[in-house]
N, C-alpha and C. Protein backbone atom coordinates (compact mmCIF):
# COMPACT_ATOMS: atom_id res chain seq x y z
N MET A 1 0.81 -1.30 0.24
CA MET A 1 -0.16 -0.34 -0.11
C MET A 1 0.99 0.88 -0.13
N ASP A 2 0.65 2.18 -0.72
CA ASP A 2 1.47 3.47 -0.89
C ASP A 2 0.88 4.82 0.17
N TYR A 3 1.81 4.47 1.66
CA TYR A 3 1.42 5.65 2.66
C TYR A 3 1.92 6.65 2.56
N SER A 4 2.87 6.65 1.45
CA SER A 4 2.69 8.18 1.09
C SER A 4 2.10 9.48 0.68
N SER A 5 0.77 8.79 0.10
CA SER A 5 -0.09 9.53 -0.49
C SER A 5 -1.22 9.75 0.74
N ILE A 6 -1.44 8.94 1.45
CA ILE A 6 -2.11 9.08 2.47
C ILE A 6 -1.71 9.89 3.58
N GLY A 7 -0.24 9.74 4.01
CA GLY A 7 0.51 11.23 4.62
C GLY A 7 0.40 12.41 3.64
N LYS A 8 0.36 12.52 2.09
CA LYS A 8 0.25 13.59 1.64
C LYS A 8 -1.08 14.17 1.82
N ASN A 9 -1.69 13.08 1.72
CA ASN A 9 -3.60 13.90 1.85
C ASN A 9 -3.93 14.35 3.63
N ILE A 10 -3.28 13.91 4.67
CA ILE A 10 -3.27 14.03 5.84
C ILE A 10 -2.34 15.34 5.86
N ARG A 11 -1.37 15.75 5.31
CA ARG A 11 -0.78 17.30 5.09
C ARG A 11 -1.29 17.91 4.79
N GLN A 12 -1.91 17.89 3.55
CA GLN A 12 -2.81 18.64 3.11
C GLN A 12 -3.94 19.04 3.31
N CYS A 13 -4.91 18.53 4.22
CA CYS A 13 -5.85 18.56 5.45
C CYS A 13 -5.00 19.21 6.31
N ARG A 14 -4.04 19.62 6.89
CA ARG A 14 -3.34 19.48 8.29
C ARG A 14 -3.12 21.51 7.63
N GLN A 15 -2.98 21.20 6.99
CA GLN A 15 -2.22 23.16 6.26
C GLN A 15 -3.38 24.02 5.77
N GLU A 16 -4.46 23.14 5.17
CA GLU A 16 -5.64 23.92 4.97
C GLU A 16 -6.71 24.04 5.70
N ARG A 17 -6.37 23.50 7.52
CA ARG A 17 -6.85 23.96 8.69
C ARG A 17 -5.85 24.87 9.36
N ARG A 18 -4.83 25.12 8.79
CA ARG A 18 -3.57 25.98 9.45
C ARG A 18 -3.29 25.11 10.90
N LEU A 19 -3.26 24.24 10.67
CA LEU A 19 -2.68 23.46 11.96
C LEU A 19 -1.32 23.00 11.73
N SER A 20 -0.44 23.15 12.94
CA SER A 20 1.00 23.13 12.75
C SER A 20 0.71 21.05 12.58
N GLN A 21 2.14 20.29 12.76
CA GLN A 21 2.21 19.29 13.02
C GLN A 21 2.30 19.11 14.64
N GLU A 22 2.37 20.25 15.46
CA GLU A 22 2.00 19.92 17.07
C GLU A 22 0.87 19.87 17.31
N GLN A 23 0.18 20.98 16.99
CA GLN A 23 -0.94 21.19 17.23
C GLN A 23 -2.12 19.69 17.28
N LEU A 24 -1.86 19.63 15.34
CA LEU A 24 -2.40 17.93 15.10
C LEU A 24 -1.98 17.29 16.32
N ALA A 25 -0.75 16.49 16.27
CA ALA A 25 -0.42 15.68 17.26
C ALA A 25 -1.36 15.67 18.50
N GLU A 26 -1.49 16.85 19.19
CA GLU A 26 -1.92 16.95 20.58
C GLU A 26 -3.31 16.81 20.34
N ARG A 27 -4.20 16.97 19.51
CA ARG A 27 -5.52 16.72 19.09
C ARG A 27 -5.86 15.45 19.06
N VAL A 28 -4.62 14.57 18.61
CA VAL A 28 -4.58 12.97 18.22
C VAL A 28 -4.11 12.27 19.74
N ASN A 29 -3.13 13.01 20.16
CA ASN A 29 -2.76 12.64 21.45
C ASN A 29 -1.31 11.74 20.84
N VAL A 30 -0.94 12.29 19.86
CA VAL A 30 0.49 11.80 19.77
C VAL A 30 1.83 12.31 19.50
N SER A 31 2.55 11.86 19.12
CA SER A 31 3.81 13.00 19.02
C SER A 31 4.03 13.68 17.53
N ALA A 32 4.43 14.92 17.50
CA ALA A 32 4.41 15.55 16.36
C ALA A 32 5.43 15.00 15.17
N ASN A 33 6.34 14.31 16.25
CA ASN A 33 7.45 13.57 15.29
C ASN A 33 6.58 12.28 14.31
N TYR A 34 5.55 11.36 15.49
CA TYR A 34 4.78 10.72 14.25
C TYR A 34 4.00 11.22 13.59
N ILE A 35 3.25 12.15 13.23
CA ILE A 35 2.84 12.63 12.89
C ILE A 35 3.66 13.45 11.35
N GLY A 36 5.09 13.74 11.70
CA GLY A 36 5.70 14.26 10.16
C GLY A 36 6.08 12.56 10.03
N MET A 37 6.30 11.47 10.45
CA MET A 37 6.54 10.16 10.01
C MET A 37 5.44 9.44 9.34
N ILE A 38 4.24 9.86 9.52
CA ILE A 38 2.67 9.50 8.75
C ILE A 38 2.91 10.74 7.54
N GLU A 39 2.68 11.90 7.63
CA GLU A 39 3.36 12.55 6.08
C GLU A 39 4.41 12.12 5.48
N ARG A 40 5.17 11.77 5.93
CA ARG A 40 6.28 11.45 4.46
C ARG A 40 6.14 9.50 4.30
N GLY A 41 4.56 8.98 4.58
CA GLY A 41 4.60 8.00 4.57
C GLY A 41 5.67 6.84 4.93
N GLU A 42 6.50 7.36 6.28
CA GLU A 42 7.21 6.28 6.73
C GLU A 42 6.62 5.72 7.43
N LYS A 43 5.50 5.68 8.54
CA LYS A 43 4.72 5.15 9.27
C LYS A 43 3.33 4.91 8.68
N ALA A 44 2.66 3.90 9.53
CA ALA A 44 1.21 3.75 8.62
C ALA A 44 0.36 3.78 10.06
N PRO A 45 -0.54 4.84 10.37
CA PRO A 45 -1.19 4.68 11.42
C PRO A 45 -2.02 3.80 11.85
N SER A 46 -2.33 3.29 12.88
CA SER A 46 -2.99 2.20 13.07
C SER A 46 -4.68 2.90 13.13
N LEU A 47 -5.57 1.87 13.15
CA LEU A 47 -6.76 2.53 12.45
C LEU A 47 -7.11 3.34 13.85
N GLU A 48 -7.25 3.25 14.92
CA GLU A 48 -7.67 3.85 16.09
C GLU A 48 -6.87 5.47 15.65
N THR A 49 -5.70 5.56 15.13
CA THR A 49 -5.06 7.03 15.22
C THR A 49 -5.45 7.70 13.65
N PHE A 50 -6.07 6.79 12.85
CA PHE A 50 -6.30 7.21 11.40
C PHE A 50 -7.77 8.16 11.66
N LEU A 51 -8.55 6.98 12.36
CA LEU A 51 -9.93 7.73 12.94
C LEU A 51 -9.98 8.76 13.58
N ALA A 52 -8.91 9.06 14.37
CA ALA A 52 -8.39 10.03 15.69
C ALA A 52 -7.57 11.16 14.51
N LEU A 53 -7.43 11.10 13.51
CA LEU A 53 -6.45 12.07 12.98
C LEU A 53 -8.04 12.27 11.26
N ALA A 54 -8.72 11.87 11.39
CA ALA A 54 -10.08 12.25 10.28
C ALA A 54 -10.66 13.54 11.01
N ASN A 55 -11.16 12.96 12.07
CA ASN A 55 -12.08 13.68 13.11
C ASN A 55 -11.15 14.69 12.96
N ALA A 56 -9.69 15.00 13.91
CA ALA A 56 -8.95 16.05 13.97
C ALA A 56 -9.00 16.95 13.13
N LEU A 57 -8.91 16.30 11.86
CA LEU A 57 -9.25 17.49 10.54
C LEU A 57 -10.00 17.68 10.22
N GLU A 58 -11.43 17.19 10.79
CA GLU A 58 -12.39 17.46 10.63
C GLU A 58 -12.68 17.30 8.87
N THR A 59 -12.11 16.07 8.51
CA THR A 59 -12.70 15.14 7.08
C THR A 59 -12.90 14.08 7.14
N SER A 60 -13.36 13.31 5.96
CA SER A 60 -13.54 12.05 5.79
C SER A 60 -12.79 10.93 5.48
N ALA A 61 -12.10 9.57 5.81
CA ALA A 61 -11.51 9.05 5.33
C ALA A 61 -11.35 8.70 4.00
N ASP A 62 -12.51 8.83 3.32
CA ASP A 62 -12.40 9.03 1.60
C ASP A 62 -11.77 9.62 1.13
N ARG A 63 -11.27 11.33 1.72
CA ARG A 63 -10.50 11.88 1.58
C ARG A 63 -9.21 11.88 1.63
N LEU A 64 -9.00 11.05 2.91
CA LEU A 64 -7.76 10.98 3.26
C LEU A 64 -7.13 9.63 2.15
N LEU A 65 -8.36 8.96 2.15
CA LEU A 65 -7.94 7.23 0.85
C LEU A 65 -7.89 7.82 -0.70
N TRP A 66 -8.21 9.10 -0.81
CA TRP A 66 -8.81 8.77 -2.09
C TRP A 66 -7.43 8.51 -3.67
N GLU A 67 -6.51 8.39 -3.44
CA GLU A 67 -5.82 7.58 -3.95
C GLU A 67 -5.06 6.35 -4.11
N VAL A 68 -5.67 5.90 -2.91
CA VAL A 68 -5.54 4.27 -2.37
C VAL A 68 -6.37 3.90 -2.96
N LEU A 69 -7.89 4.14 -2.52
CA LEU A 69 -9.20 3.77 -2.81
C LEU A 69 -9.70 3.22 -4.45
N LYS A 70 -10.38 2.66 -4.77
CA LYS A 70 -10.55 2.82 -6.42
C LYS A 70 -12.17 3.50 -6.17
N VAL A 71 -12.84 3.66 -5.00
CA VAL A 71 -13.63 4.41 -5.03
C VAL A 71 -13.30 6.17 -4.45
N GLY A 72 -12.28 5.95 -4.28
CA GLY A 72 -11.75 7.64 -3.86
C GLY A 72 -11.98 8.71 -4.42
N TYR A 73 -11.87 8.21 -5.73
CA TYR A 73 -12.27 9.73 -6.86
C TYR A 73 -13.62 10.53 -6.36
N GLN A 74 -14.44 9.82 -6.25
CA GLN A 74 -16.00 10.48 -5.79
C GLN A 74 -15.19 11.66 -4.74
N GLU A 75 -14.31 11.53 -3.92
CA GLU A 75 -14.05 13.00 -3.15
C GLU A 75 -13.53 13.68 -3.65
N LYS A 76 -12.44 13.31 -4.82
CA LYS A 76 -11.62 14.50 -5.99
C LYS A 76 -12.69 15.33 -6.71
N SER A 77 -13.78 13.81 -7.08
CA SER A 77 -14.86 14.18 -8.17
C SER A 77 -15.78 15.74 -7.18
N SER A 78 -16.06 15.30 -6.00
CA SER A 78 -16.42 16.39 -5.22
C SER A 78 -16.06 18.08 -5.17
N GLN A 79 -14.90 17.76 -4.68
CA GLN A 79 -13.73 18.81 -4.69
C GLN A 79 -13.88 19.72 -6.18
N LEU A 80 -13.87 18.83 -6.98
CA LEU A 80 -13.66 19.49 -8.56
C LEU A 80 -14.70 20.18 -8.66
N SER A 81 -15.88 19.71 -8.41
CA SER A 81 -17.62 20.18 -8.91
C SER A 81 -17.35 21.37 -7.88
N GLN A 82 -16.87 21.53 -6.75
CA GLN A 82 -16.74 22.60 -5.77
C GLN A 82 -16.14 23.84 -6.59
N GLN A 83 -14.92 23.53 -6.77
CA GLN A 83 -14.36 24.02 -7.71
C GLN A 83 -14.90 25.14 -9.16
N LEU A 84 -15.14 24.20 -9.50
CA LEU A 84 -16.16 24.80 -11.04
C LEU A 84 -17.09 25.56 -10.62
N ALA A 85 -17.66 25.27 -9.62
CA ALA A 85 -19.02 26.03 -9.22
C ALA A 85 -18.74 27.61 -9.09
N SER A 86 -17.49 27.78 -8.24
CA SER A 86 -17.00 28.81 -7.87
C SER A 86 -16.75 30.19 -9.18
N LEU A 87 -16.39 28.88 -10.45
CA LEU A 87 -15.73 29.76 -11.61
C LEU A 87 -17.08 30.97 -12.41
N SER A 88 -16.44 31.64 -13.10
CA SER A 88 -17.83 31.74 -14.22
C SER A 88 -18.47 30.99 -15.05
N PRO A 89 -19.36 31.14 -15.46
CA PRO A 89 -20.28 30.79 -16.66
C PRO A 89 -18.58 30.05 -17.72
N LYS A 90 -18.16 31.30 -18.57
CA LYS A 90 -17.39 31.08 -19.87
C LYS A 90 -16.18 30.15 -18.90
N ASP A 91 -15.62 30.78 -17.69
CA ASP A 91 -14.05 30.18 -17.30
C ASP A 91 -14.91 28.55 -17.40
N ARG A 92 -15.90 28.59 -16.57
CA ARG A 92 -16.41 26.69 -16.51
C ARG A 92 -16.76 26.32 -17.74
N GLN A 93 -17.35 26.75 -18.53
CA GLN A 93 -17.39 25.97 -20.22
C GLN A 93 -16.21 25.82 -21.12
N ARG A 94 -15.16 27.00 -20.69
CA ARG A 94 -13.75 26.40 -21.02
C ARG A 94 -12.90 25.56 -20.30
N ILE A 95 -13.02 25.08 -19.13
CA ILE A 95 -12.25 24.20 -18.98
C ILE A 95 -12.95 22.89 -18.89
N LEU A 96 -14.26 22.93 -19.42
CA LEU A 96 -15.19 21.43 -19.07
C LEU A 96 -14.97 21.16 -21.18
N ALA A 97 -14.53 22.19 -21.71
CA ALA A 97 -14.33 21.76 -23.22
C ALA A 97 -12.96 21.00 -23.00
N VAL A 98 -11.65 21.64 -21.93
CA VAL A 98 -10.93 21.01 -22.32
C VAL A 98 -10.75 19.49 -21.81
N VAL A 99 -11.91 19.48 -20.56
CA VAL A 99 -11.95 17.99 -19.86
C VAL A 99 -12.27 17.09 -21.02
N ASP A 100 -13.50 17.51 -21.40
CA ASP A 100 -14.04 16.41 -22.81
C ASP A 100 -13.21 16.20 -23.84
N THR A 101 -12.25 17.11 -24.09
CA THR A 101 -11.16 16.64 -25.26
C THR A 101 -10.46 15.88 -24.88
N LEU A 102 -9.53 15.53 -23.43
CA LEU A 102 -8.92 15.18 -22.79
C LEU A 102 -9.43 13.74 -22.60
N ILE A 103 -10.57 13.24 -22.52
CA ILE A 103 -11.63 12.33 -21.96
C ILE A 103 -11.89 11.15 -23.46
N ALA A 104 -12.09 12.26 -24.24
CA ALA A 104 -12.07 12.02 -26.09
C ALA A 104 -11.07 10.98 -26.66
N TYR A 105 -9.38 11.87 -26.13
CA TYR A 105 -8.47 11.30 -26.50
C TYR A 105 -8.10 10.15 -25.44
N SER A 106 -8.61 10.01 -24.47
CA SER A 106 -8.20 8.76 -23.49
C SER A 106 -8.41 7.18 -23.43
N ASN A 107 -9.46 7.69 -24.41
CA ASN A 107 -10.52 6.25 -24.57
C ASN A 107 -10.50 5.51 -25.74
N PRO A 108 -9.98 4.52 -25.79
CA PRO A 108 -9.61 3.11 -27.10
C PRO A 108 -10.73 3.32 -27.98
């Protein structure tokens, strides 16, 4: 299993919430060094720690695992939908045209 992608997602969520590793560690009741090892993919958190991380970051397990799970792209799709909704109709149309082109050329 690719623990580095899970760690990267944890780091991204932590940074989005403007938390230091120390602050997150305190919320999860682990050391800041352990948070660093998880974020670098050097350690895999136990299920209990993983759930504590998701709760402390106020995010879903799906978001933290999206690159590992086959169905994890639902979370990324939701994020992209939110980003598209914030754009002007003209920009949204332009981006969707690019995506349509990429999809057309990716299918055999």
